[in-house]
Amino acid sequence: MSTEMNTDTTTPSHQWPRTPDPTPEKRGFSTGVWIALAIVAIALVAVVIFGIASRASAAHDLEKRTQASAIPTVNVIHPSAAPLSPEISLPGNTQAYMDTPIYARTSGYLKHWYFDIGAHVRKGQLMAVIETPELDQQLQVAEADLKSTEANLELAKTTAARYINLLKTNSVSKQETDQATGDEAAKKAAVDAAMANVRRLQQLQSFERIYAPFDGIVTVRNTDVGALIDAGSGSTPRELFHLAAINKIRVYVPVPEAYAGDIRNGGKATLTLGSNSGQTFEGTIARNSNMIDSASRTLNVEVDVDNPKGLLLPGAYVFVHFKVPERIANLTIPSNTLLFRSEGLRVGVVRDGKVDLVPITITHDAGQMVEVAASDLKTTDQVILDPSDSLTAGEQVHVNQQQRAGE
């Protein structure tokens, strides 16, 4: 029995199978996982570092571009030494040689008018008629008063003559004679006053008919038949007509102080219309104000132009061209480079990438081009075209290289 028990315990075929040792397999799986996790972590760190670096680089690049775009780009031009034409062209305003409103000098109702706007009238032509019934009645009363005073005067003269003759025979006293002669003088004064009143009313009655004071064109008509005409009432009486003489035109031109000495009365000037019609007119410098306006620093000059065909209209905008003596050629720059500042005229010059506001003195103005003193600029200076009003000295700018290449 003991032998069987030993046999049973030693026989492998009757033993339960053993559980394999899991330690080697488990240890190998954990190492691979950790390696994979390490690789993933390194990759994530690399991705994060790369992303941060990329964003930092992009932000830096954006900052550089923003700073670059904040610097304005300007077009420049170099001053030229080309001489200008010995002529200046200045704007002027045309006015009728004679221009006057026509008012009524008597009150009443407009009976008739004979000329409308645009009509040509001659001096002395009847333009309108005013009905003045009240004035007519006043004149009749004044004439009757005059006749009464004249009759009283005749009686006073007769009485005075009689008293003078009676005084010679001492038939009347000296006092009575003096009273008679004094009454004659008083009656004569009354007649003079009555006659003056009649003449005044006759003069007012003559204003019932309105005549043209000179040859011209009716430019305004402010009345019509039946309108109440109130002469001289109010601070601003209404004009009936406006008459302008345009057979000769006055043109007033503000000439800069720099050219005031070149303007001579009797000199010639050429006019061109601002409407670019191509028409030119010859004028004569008639007079000037002989005074420089302290506000505009200009001399007011009048140019008279014959206008027999009426081609020049009052109020038109014209350019007046004056001949001036030849001047020493200085540098010329376009007029769109000028900066008008409170401290004086300036131009912006680019030097070392920054703006320098250079004061200049204009020696000749030809409209689109101006001549400046050669001591102010150099032909190598980069003068800014169309500068902004906010341009300041020391401001950093970029020169437009495309524009420079196209010069």
Protein backbone atom coordinates (compact mmCIF):
# COMPACT_ATOMS: atom_id res chain seq x y z
CA MET A 1 0.00 0.00 0.00
CA SER A 2 2.78 2.18 0.81
CA THR A 3 4.33 1.16 -2.44
CA GLU A 4 1.22 2.18 -4.41
CA MET A 5 1.12 5.49 -2.72
CA ASN A 6 4.68 6.19 -3.64
CA THR A 7 3.98 5.05 -7.17
CA ASP A 8 1.03 7.36 -7.42
CA THR A 9 2.99 10.33 -6.23
CA THR A 10 5.86 9.83 -8.62
CA THR A 11 3.89 9.10 -11.77
CA PRO A 12 3.82 12.27 -13.94
CA SER A 13 0.81 11.11 -15.93
CA HIS A 14 -1.36 11.39 -12.91
CA GLN A 15 -0.19 14.82 -11.74
CA TRP A 16 -2.13 18.17 -12.44
CA PRO A 17 -0.39 20.43 -14.96
CA ARG A 18 1.53 23.43 -13.48
CA THR A 19 0.62 27.08 -14.16
CA PRO A 20 3.29 28.69 -16.35
CA ASP A 21 5.42 31.44 -14.79
CA PRO A 22 4.07 34.72 -16.15
CA THR A 23 6.96 36.92 -15.08
CA PRO A 24 9.12 36.81 -18.25
CA GLU A 25 6.14 37.64 -20.61
CA LYS A 26 4.79 40.41 -18.39
CA ARG A 27 8.19 42.01 -18.06
CA GLY A 28 8.71 42.19 -21.85
CA PHE A 29 5.26 43.85 -22.59
CA SER A 30 5.76 46.62 -20.02
CA THR A 31 9.12 47.66 -21.51
CA GLY A 32 7.66 48.03 -25.01
CA VAL A 33 4.77 50.11 -23.76
CA TRP A 34 7.10 52.45 -21.91
CA ILE A 35 9.30 52.79 -24.95
CA ALA A 36 6.25 53.63 -27.08
CA LEU A 37 5.01 56.11 -24.53
CA ALA A 38 8.42 57.73 -24.39
CA ILE A 39 8.50 58.05 -28.17
CA VAL A 40 5.00 59.56 -28.23
CA ALA A 41 5.92 62.00 -25.48
CA ILE A 42 9.08 63.04 -27.28
CA ALA A 43 7.07 63.53 -30.48
CA LEU A 44 4.47 65.62 -28.66
CA VAL A 45 7.17 67.74 -27.07
CA ALA A 46 8.80 68.20 -30.46
CA VAL A 47 5.47 69.18 -32.01
CA VAL A 48 4.76 71.68 -29.22
CA ILE A 49 8.24 73.16 -29.45
CA PHE A 50 7.97 73.41 -33.24
CA GLY A 51 4.52 75.03 -32.99
CA ILE A 52 5.69 77.56 -30.42
CA ALA A 53 8.74 78.35 -32.50
CA SER A 54 6.64 78.73 -35.65
CA ARG A 55 4.16 81.03 -33.94
CA ALA A 56 6.95 83.11 -32.45
CA SER A 57 8.58 83.38 -35.86
CA ALA A 58 5.26 84.30 -37.49
CA ALA A 59 4.56 86.91 -34.80
CA HIS A 60 8.00 88.40 -35.26
CA ASP A 61 7.55 88.45 -39.02
CA LEU A 62 4.10 90.07 -38.63
CA GLU A 63 5.55 92.66 -36.31
CA LYS A 64 8.27 93.47 -38.83
CA ARG A 65 5.72 93.71 -41.64
CA THR A 66 3.42 95.90 -39.52
CA GLN A 67 6.27 98.21 -38.68
CA ALA A 68 7.29 98.31 -42.33
CA SER A 69 3.75 99.03 -43.51
CA ALA A 70 3.41 101.80 -40.92
CA ILE A 71 6.18 103.72 -42.67
CA PRO A 72 4.59 105.68 -45.54
CA THR A 73 5.85 105.34 -49.09
CA VAL A 74 6.32 108.58 -50.99
CA ASN A 75 6.98 109.62 -54.57
CA VAL A 76 9.88 112.01 -55.07
CA ILE A 77 11.26 114.26 -57.77
CA HIS A 78 14.55 116.03 -58.24
CA PRO A 79 14.60 119.83 -58.67
CA SER A 80 15.32 120.92 -62.22
CA ALA A 81 17.54 123.74 -63.38
CA ALA A 82 15.36 124.42 -66.46
CA PRO A 83 14.54 128.15 -66.84
CA LEU A 84 10.96 129.35 -66.79
CA SER A 85 9.16 131.52 -69.33
CA PRO A 86 9.32 135.25 -68.50
CA GLU A 87 5.57 135.35 -67.92
CA ILE A 88 3.28 134.94 -64.94
CA SER A 89 -0.27 133.67 -65.11
CA LEU A 90 -2.66 134.78 -62.37
CA PRO A 91 -6.40 134.30 -61.82
CA GLY A 92 -8.70 137.28 -62.10
CA ASN A 93 -12.38 138.21 -61.85
CA THR A 94 -14.18 140.20 -64.52
CA GLN A 95 -16.55 143.05 -63.69
CA ALA A 96 -18.69 145.35 -65.79
CA TYR A 97 -17.06 148.71 -66.42
CA MET A 98 -20.15 150.36 -64.92
CA ASP A 99 -22.58 148.40 -62.78
CA THR A 100 -25.41 150.11 -60.92
CA PRO A 101 -28.81 149.34 -59.39
CA ILE A 102 -31.73 151.57 -60.37
CA TYR A 103 -34.14 152.59 -57.61
CA ALA A 104 -37.34 154.65 -57.58
CA ARG A 105 -37.17 158.21 -56.24
CA THR A 106 -40.92 158.56 -55.91
CA SER A 107 -43.70 156.41 -54.45
CA GLY A 108 -46.62 155.01 -56.41
CA TYR A 109 -47.59 152.03 -58.57
CA LEU A 110 -45.67 150.71 -61.54
CA LYS A 111 -47.66 151.55 -64.63
CA HIS A 112 -45.42 149.96 -67.24
CA TRP A 113 -41.91 148.58 -67.82
CA TYR A 114 -40.22 148.42 -71.22
CA PHE A 115 -37.05 146.29 -70.85
CA ASP A 116 -36.45 142.83 -69.40
CA ILE A 117 -33.22 141.03 -68.47
CA GLY A 118 -30.72 140.75 -71.30
CA ALA A 119 -32.09 143.79 -73.11
CA HIS A 120 -29.62 146.34 -74.49
CA VAL A 121 -30.58 149.92 -73.64
CA ARG A 122 -29.20 153.27 -74.66
CA LYS A 123 -28.55 156.20 -72.38
CA GLY A 124 -31.77 158.20 -71.89
CA GLN A 125 -34.17 155.46 -72.99
CA LEU A 126 -37.40 155.16 -70.99
CA MET A 127 -37.30 151.99 -68.88
CA ALA A 128 -40.47 152.27 -66.73
CA VAL A 129 -43.31 154.58 -65.73
CA ILE A 130 -44.72 154.99 -62.20
CA GLU A 131 -48.20 156.29 -61.38
CA THR A 132 -48.18 158.78 -58.45
CA PRO A 133 -51.74 160.06 -57.84
CA GLU A 134 -50.96 161.39 -54.37
CA LEU A 135 -47.94 163.29 -55.62
CA ASP A 136 -49.97 164.79 -58.44
CA GLN A 137 -52.52 166.09 -55.92
CA GLN A 138 -49.77 167.53 -53.72
CA LEU A 139 -48.35 169.37 -56.72
CA GLN A 140 -51.74 170.87 -57.55
CA VAL A 141 -52.13 172.10 -53.97
CA ALA A 142 -48.63 173.57 -54.01
CA GLU A 143 -49.27 175.39 -57.29
CA ALA A 144 -52.51 176.85 -55.84
CA ASP A 145 -50.59 177.99 -52.73
CA LEU A 146 -48.03 179.63 -54.98
CA LYS A 147 -50.71 181.60 -56.82
CA SER A 148 -52.20 182.73 -53.49
CA THR A 149 -48.86 183.93 -52.15
CA GLU A 150 -48.09 185.67 -55.45
CA ALA A 151 -51.42 187.54 -55.19
CA ASN A 152 -50.63 188.54 -51.61
CA LEU A 153 -47.23 189.74 -52.75
CA GLU A 154 -48.73 191.95 -55.47
CA LEU A 155 -51.06 193.54 -52.90
CA ALA A 156 -48.18 194.05 -50.46
CA LYS A 157 -46.11 195.71 -53.22
CA THR A 158 -48.95 198.12 -54.08
CA THR A 159 -49.52 198.99 -50.44
CA ALA A 160 -45.83 199.59 -49.80
CA ALA A 161 -45.57 201.84 -52.86
CA ARG A 162 -48.52 203.92 -51.72
CA TYR A 163 -47.12 204.35 -48.20
CA ILE A 164 -43.79 205.46 -49.57
CA ASN A 165 -45.47 208.15 -51.70
CA LEU A 166 -47.66 209.31 -48.79
CA LEU A 167 -44.63 209.50 -46.55
CA LYS A 168 -43.19 212.16 -48.86
CA THR A 169 -46.08 214.48 -48.00
CA ASN A 170 -46.10 213.38 -44.34
CA SER A 171 -49.57 211.91 -44.83
CA VAL A 172 -48.53 208.70 -43.02
CA SER A 173 -46.03 208.03 -40.34
CA LYS A 174 -42.64 206.43 -40.87
CA GLN A 175 -43.76 203.48 -38.73
CA GLU A 176 -46.69 202.70 -40.97
CA THR A 177 -44.48 202.91 -44.04
CA ASP A 178 -41.96 200.51 -42.49
CA GLN A 179 -44.73 198.06 -41.68
CA ALA A 180 -45.96 198.14 -45.28
CA THR A 181 -42.51 197.55 -46.75
CA GLY A 182 -41.84 194.79 -44.19
CA ASP A 183 -45.07 193.08 -45.14
CA GLU A 184 -43.97 193.19 -48.78
CA ALA A 185 -40.68 191.47 -47.91
CA ALA A 186 -42.51 188.78 -45.91
CA LYS A 187 -44.92 188.15 -48.78
CA LYS A 188 -41.98 187.87 -51.18
CA ALA A 189 -40.34 185.27 -48.91
CA ALA A 190 -43.61 183.32 -48.80
CA VAL A 191 -43.69 183.31 -52.60
CA ASP A 192 -40.10 182.01 -52.73
CA ALA A 193 -40.99 179.20 -50.30
CA ALA A 194 -44.08 178.28 -52.30
CA MET A 195 -42.07 178.25 -55.53
CA ALA A 196 -39.42 175.99 -53.93
CA ASN A 197 -42.12 173.56 -52.80
CA VAL A 198 -43.58 173.48 -56.31
CA ARG A 199 -40.14 172.81 -57.83
CA ARG A 200 -39.54 170.00 -55.31
CA LEU A 201 -42.81 168.29 -56.17
CA GLN A 202 -42.22 168.80 -59.89
CA GLN A 203 -38.82 167.14 -59.49
CA LEU A 204 -40.41 164.20 -57.69
CA GLN A 205 -43.05 164.00 -60.39
CA SER A 206 -40.31 163.81 -63.02
CA PHE A 207 -39.09 160.63 -61.31
CA GLU A 208 -42.29 158.96 -62.43
CA ARG A 209 -40.40 158.18 -65.62
CA ILE A 210 -37.25 156.07 -65.17
CA TYR A 211 -34.53 156.51 -67.80
CA ALA A 212 -31.35 154.53 -68.46
CA PRO A 213 -28.33 156.43 -67.02
CA PHE A 214 -25.87 154.89 -69.54
CA ASP A 215 -25.61 152.37 -72.36
CA GLY A 216 -25.73 148.85 -71.00
CA ILE A 217 -27.56 145.58 -70.49
CA VAL A 218 -30.38 144.96 -68.04
CA THR A 219 -29.18 142.16 -65.77
CA VAL A 220 -31.97 142.24 -63.16
CA ARG A 221 -35.66 143.22 -63.17
CA ASN A 222 -37.29 143.10 -59.73
CA THR A 223 -40.68 144.65 -60.42
CA ASP A 224 -43.84 144.21 -62.48
CA VAL A 225 -46.95 146.13 -63.52
CA GLY A 226 -49.10 147.11 -60.53
CA ALA A 227 -46.32 146.65 -57.97
CA LEU A 228 -46.27 149.13 -55.11
CA ILE A 229 -43.20 151.33 -55.35
CA ASP A 230 -42.12 152.79 -52.02
CA ALA A 231 -39.22 155.15 -52.51
CA GLY A 232 -36.57 155.38 -49.85
CA SER A 233 -38.44 153.50 -47.10
CA GLY A 234 -36.48 151.06 -44.96
CA SER A 235 -32.74 150.51 -44.68
CA THR A 236 -32.56 148.28 -47.77
CA PRO A 237 -34.83 149.60 -50.54
CA ARG A 238 -35.55 147.17 -53.37
CA GLU A 239 -34.00 147.94 -56.72
CA LEU A 240 -36.22 148.02 -59.80
CA PHE A 241 -33.53 147.23 -62.37
CA HIS A 242 -29.83 146.47 -62.48
CA LEU A 243 -27.85 147.87 -65.38
CA ALA A 244 -24.33 146.86 -66.45
CA ALA A 245 -22.11 148.40 -69.12
CA ILE A 246 -20.06 145.59 -70.69
CA ASN A 247 -18.64 147.29 -73.77
CA LYS A 248 -15.51 147.46 -71.64
CA ILE A 249 -14.62 145.00 -68.87
CA ARG A 250 -12.57 145.56 -65.74
CA VAL A 251 -10.45 142.65 -64.51
CA TYR A 252 -9.02 142.79 -60.98
CA VAL A 253 -5.92 140.67 -60.41
CA PRO A 254 -4.06 140.11 -57.10
CA VAL A 255 -0.38 140.22 -58.09
CA PRO A 256 2.11 138.67 -55.61
CA GLU A 257 4.43 141.09 -53.86
CA ALA A 258 7.45 139.56 -55.61
CA TYR A 259 6.16 140.85 -58.96
CA ALA A 260 4.64 144.14 -57.82
CA GLY A 261 7.63 146.08 -59.10
CA ASP A 262 7.26 144.55 -62.59
CA ILE A 263 3.70 145.86 -63.10
CA ARG A 264 3.51 149.20 -64.89
CA ASN A 265 0.39 151.19 -65.74
CA GLY A 266 -0.16 151.22 -69.49
CA GLY A 267 1.45 147.81 -69.94
CA LYS A 268 -0.20 145.03 -71.89
CA ALA A 269 -1.71 141.80 -70.57
CA THR A 270 -3.32 138.77 -72.22
CA LEU A 271 -6.50 137.14 -70.92
CA THR A 272 -7.63 133.56 -71.40
CA LEU A 273 -10.92 132.14 -70.21
CA GLY A 274 -10.91 129.57 -67.42
CA SER A 275 -13.36 127.45 -69.43
CA ASN A 276 -10.55 126.42 -71.82
CA SER A 277 -12.40 127.85 -74.81
CA GLY A 278 -9.15 128.83 -76.47
CA GLN A 279 -10.16 132.49 -76.80
CA THR A 280 -7.66 135.19 -75.88
CA PHE A 281 -8.24 138.89 -75.23
CA GLU A 282 -5.81 141.79 -75.13
CA GLY A 283 -6.01 144.14 -72.18
CA THR A 284 -4.25 147.18 -70.79
CA ILE A 285 -3.04 147.70 -67.23
CA ALA A 286 -5.17 150.71 -66.28
CA ARG A 287 -4.22 151.28 -62.64
CA ASN A 288 -3.17 149.61 -59.41
CA SER A 289 -3.81 150.22 -55.74
CA ASN A 290 -0.19 151.30 -55.03
CA MET A 291 -0.43 149.36 -51.77
CA ILE A 292 0.45 145.81 -50.76
CA ASP A 293 -2.38 144.06 -48.92
CA SER A 294 -0.89 143.00 -45.59
CA ALA A 295 -3.19 139.96 -45.35
CA SER A 296 -2.61 138.42 -48.80
CA ARG A 297 0.73 140.11 -49.62
CA THR A 298 -0.58 141.06 -53.06
CA LEU A 299 -1.01 144.20 -55.16
CA ASN A 300 -4.50 144.81 -56.56
CA VAL A 301 -4.17 145.53 -60.30
CA GLU A 302 -6.94 146.56 -62.72
CA VAL A 303 -6.77 145.46 -66.36
CA ASP A 304 -9.25 147.01 -68.81
CA VAL A 305 -10.35 144.98 -71.83
CA ASP A 306 -12.40 146.25 -74.77
CA ASN A 307 -15.44 144.02 -75.21
CA PRO A 308 -17.46 145.37 -78.17
CA LYS A 309 -18.97 141.96 -79.02
CA GLY A 310 -19.84 141.09 -75.43
CA LEU A 311 -17.80 137.87 -75.48
CA LEU A 312 -16.47 138.51 -71.97
CA LEU A 313 -19.19 138.30 -69.35
CA PRO A 314 -19.06 140.01 -65.95
CA GLY A 315 -18.24 137.60 -63.17
CA ALA A 316 -16.27 135.23 -65.41
CA TYR A 317 -13.13 133.49 -64.13
CA VAL A 318 -10.12 134.29 -66.31
CA PHE A 319 -6.34 133.93 -66.28
CA VAL A 320 -4.31 137.08 -66.83
CA HIS A 321 -0.83 136.70 -68.30
CA PHE A 322 1.74 139.41 -67.52
CA LYS A 323 5.14 139.72 -69.11
CA VAL A 324 7.95 140.09 -66.57
CA PRO A 325 11.68 140.73 -67.06
CA GLU A 326 14.04 137.81 -67.56
CA ARG A 327 15.33 136.40 -64.30
CA ILE A 328 18.36 134.33 -63.38
CA ALA A 329 17.40 130.68 -63.76
CA ASN A 330 17.11 128.97 -60.40
CA LEU A 331 15.79 125.53 -59.56
CA THR A 332 12.25 124.65 -60.53
CA ILE A 333 9.89 122.23 -58.77
CA PRO A 334 6.24 121.31 -59.31
CA SER A 335 3.72 123.37 -57.36
CA ASN A 336 2.26 120.16 -55.86
CA THR A 337 5.39 119.77 -53.73
CA LEU A 338 4.67 122.89 -51.66
CA LEU A 339 3.63 122.78 -48.02
CA PHE A 340 1.89 125.87 -46.65
CA ARG A 341 2.69 126.09 -42.95
CA SER A 342 2.17 128.84 -40.40
CA GLU A 343 5.91 129.35 -40.17
CA GLY A 344 6.21 129.78 -43.95
CA LEU A 345 6.49 127.88 -47.22
CA ARG A 346 8.16 124.45 -46.96
CA VAL A 347 8.97 121.37 -49.07
CA GLY A 348 9.59 117.84 -47.78
CA VAL A 349 13.00 116.39 -48.69
CA VAL A 350 13.93 112.75 -48.02
CA ARG A 351 17.38 112.50 -46.44
CA ASP A 352 18.67 109.22 -44.95
CA GLY A 353 15.15 107.77 -45.02
CA LYS A 354 13.70 110.64 -42.96
CA VAL A 355 11.79 113.80 -43.81
CA ASP A 356 13.47 117.18 -43.62
CA LEU A 357 11.16 120.20 -44.01
CA VAL A 358 13.17 122.75 -45.98
CA PRO A 359 12.06 126.42 -46.13
CA ILE A 360 12.05 127.84 -49.66
CA THR A 361 11.61 131.21 -51.35
CA ILE A 362 9.63 131.38 -54.59
CA THR A 363 11.29 133.68 -57.11
CA HIS A 364 8.92 132.98 -60.01
CA ASP A 365 5.47 131.41 -60.12
CA ALA A 366 4.40 129.86 -63.42
CA GLY A 367 1.34 128.00 -62.18
CA GLN A 368 2.14 124.29 -62.31
CA MET A 369 5.86 124.96 -61.85
CA VAL A 370 7.56 127.37 -59.46
CA GLU A 371 11.08 128.69 -59.41
CA VAL A 372 12.88 128.68 -56.07
CA ALA A 373 16.19 130.13 -54.94
CA ALA A 374 19.08 127.84 -55.80
CA SER A 375 20.44 128.18 -52.27
CA ASP A 376 17.37 126.40 -50.84
CA LEU A 377 17.65 123.06 -52.67
CA LYS A 378 20.04 120.94 -54.71
CA THR A 379 19.41 119.03 -57.90
CA THR A 380 20.17 115.80 -56.04
CA ASP A 381 17.53 116.37 -53.35
CA GLN A 382 14.58 113.99 -53.26
CA VAL A 383 11.57 116.34 -52.99
CA ILE A 384 8.30 114.67 -51.98
CA LEU A 385 5.41 114.93 -54.43
CA ASP A 386 1.88 115.55 -53.08
CA PRO A 387 3.00 115.64 -49.42
CA SER A 388 0.44 115.03 -46.70
CA ASP A 389 -0.56 118.01 -44.57
CA SER A 390 0.38 115.96 -41.51
CA LEU A 391 3.98 115.45 -42.71
CA THR A 392 6.45 116.23 -39.92
CA ALA A 393 10.19 116.71 -39.76
CA GLY A 394 12.09 113.54 -38.79
CA GLU A 395 9.28 111.23 -39.94
CA GLN A 396 10.57 107.98 -41.47
CA VAL A 397 9.46 107.30 -45.05
CA HIS A 398 10.15 104.90 -47.92
CA VAL A 399 10.86 106.14 -51.42
CA ASN A 400 8.69 104.47 -54.05
CA GLN A 401 11.26 102.44 -55.98
CA GLN A 402 8.86 101.70 -58.84
CA GLN A 403 8.32 105.39 -59.32
CA ARG A 404 12.07 105.98 -59.16
CA ALA A 405 12.66 103.27 -61.77
CA GLY A 406 10.09 104.86 -64.09
CA GLU A 407 11.75 108.29 -64.01
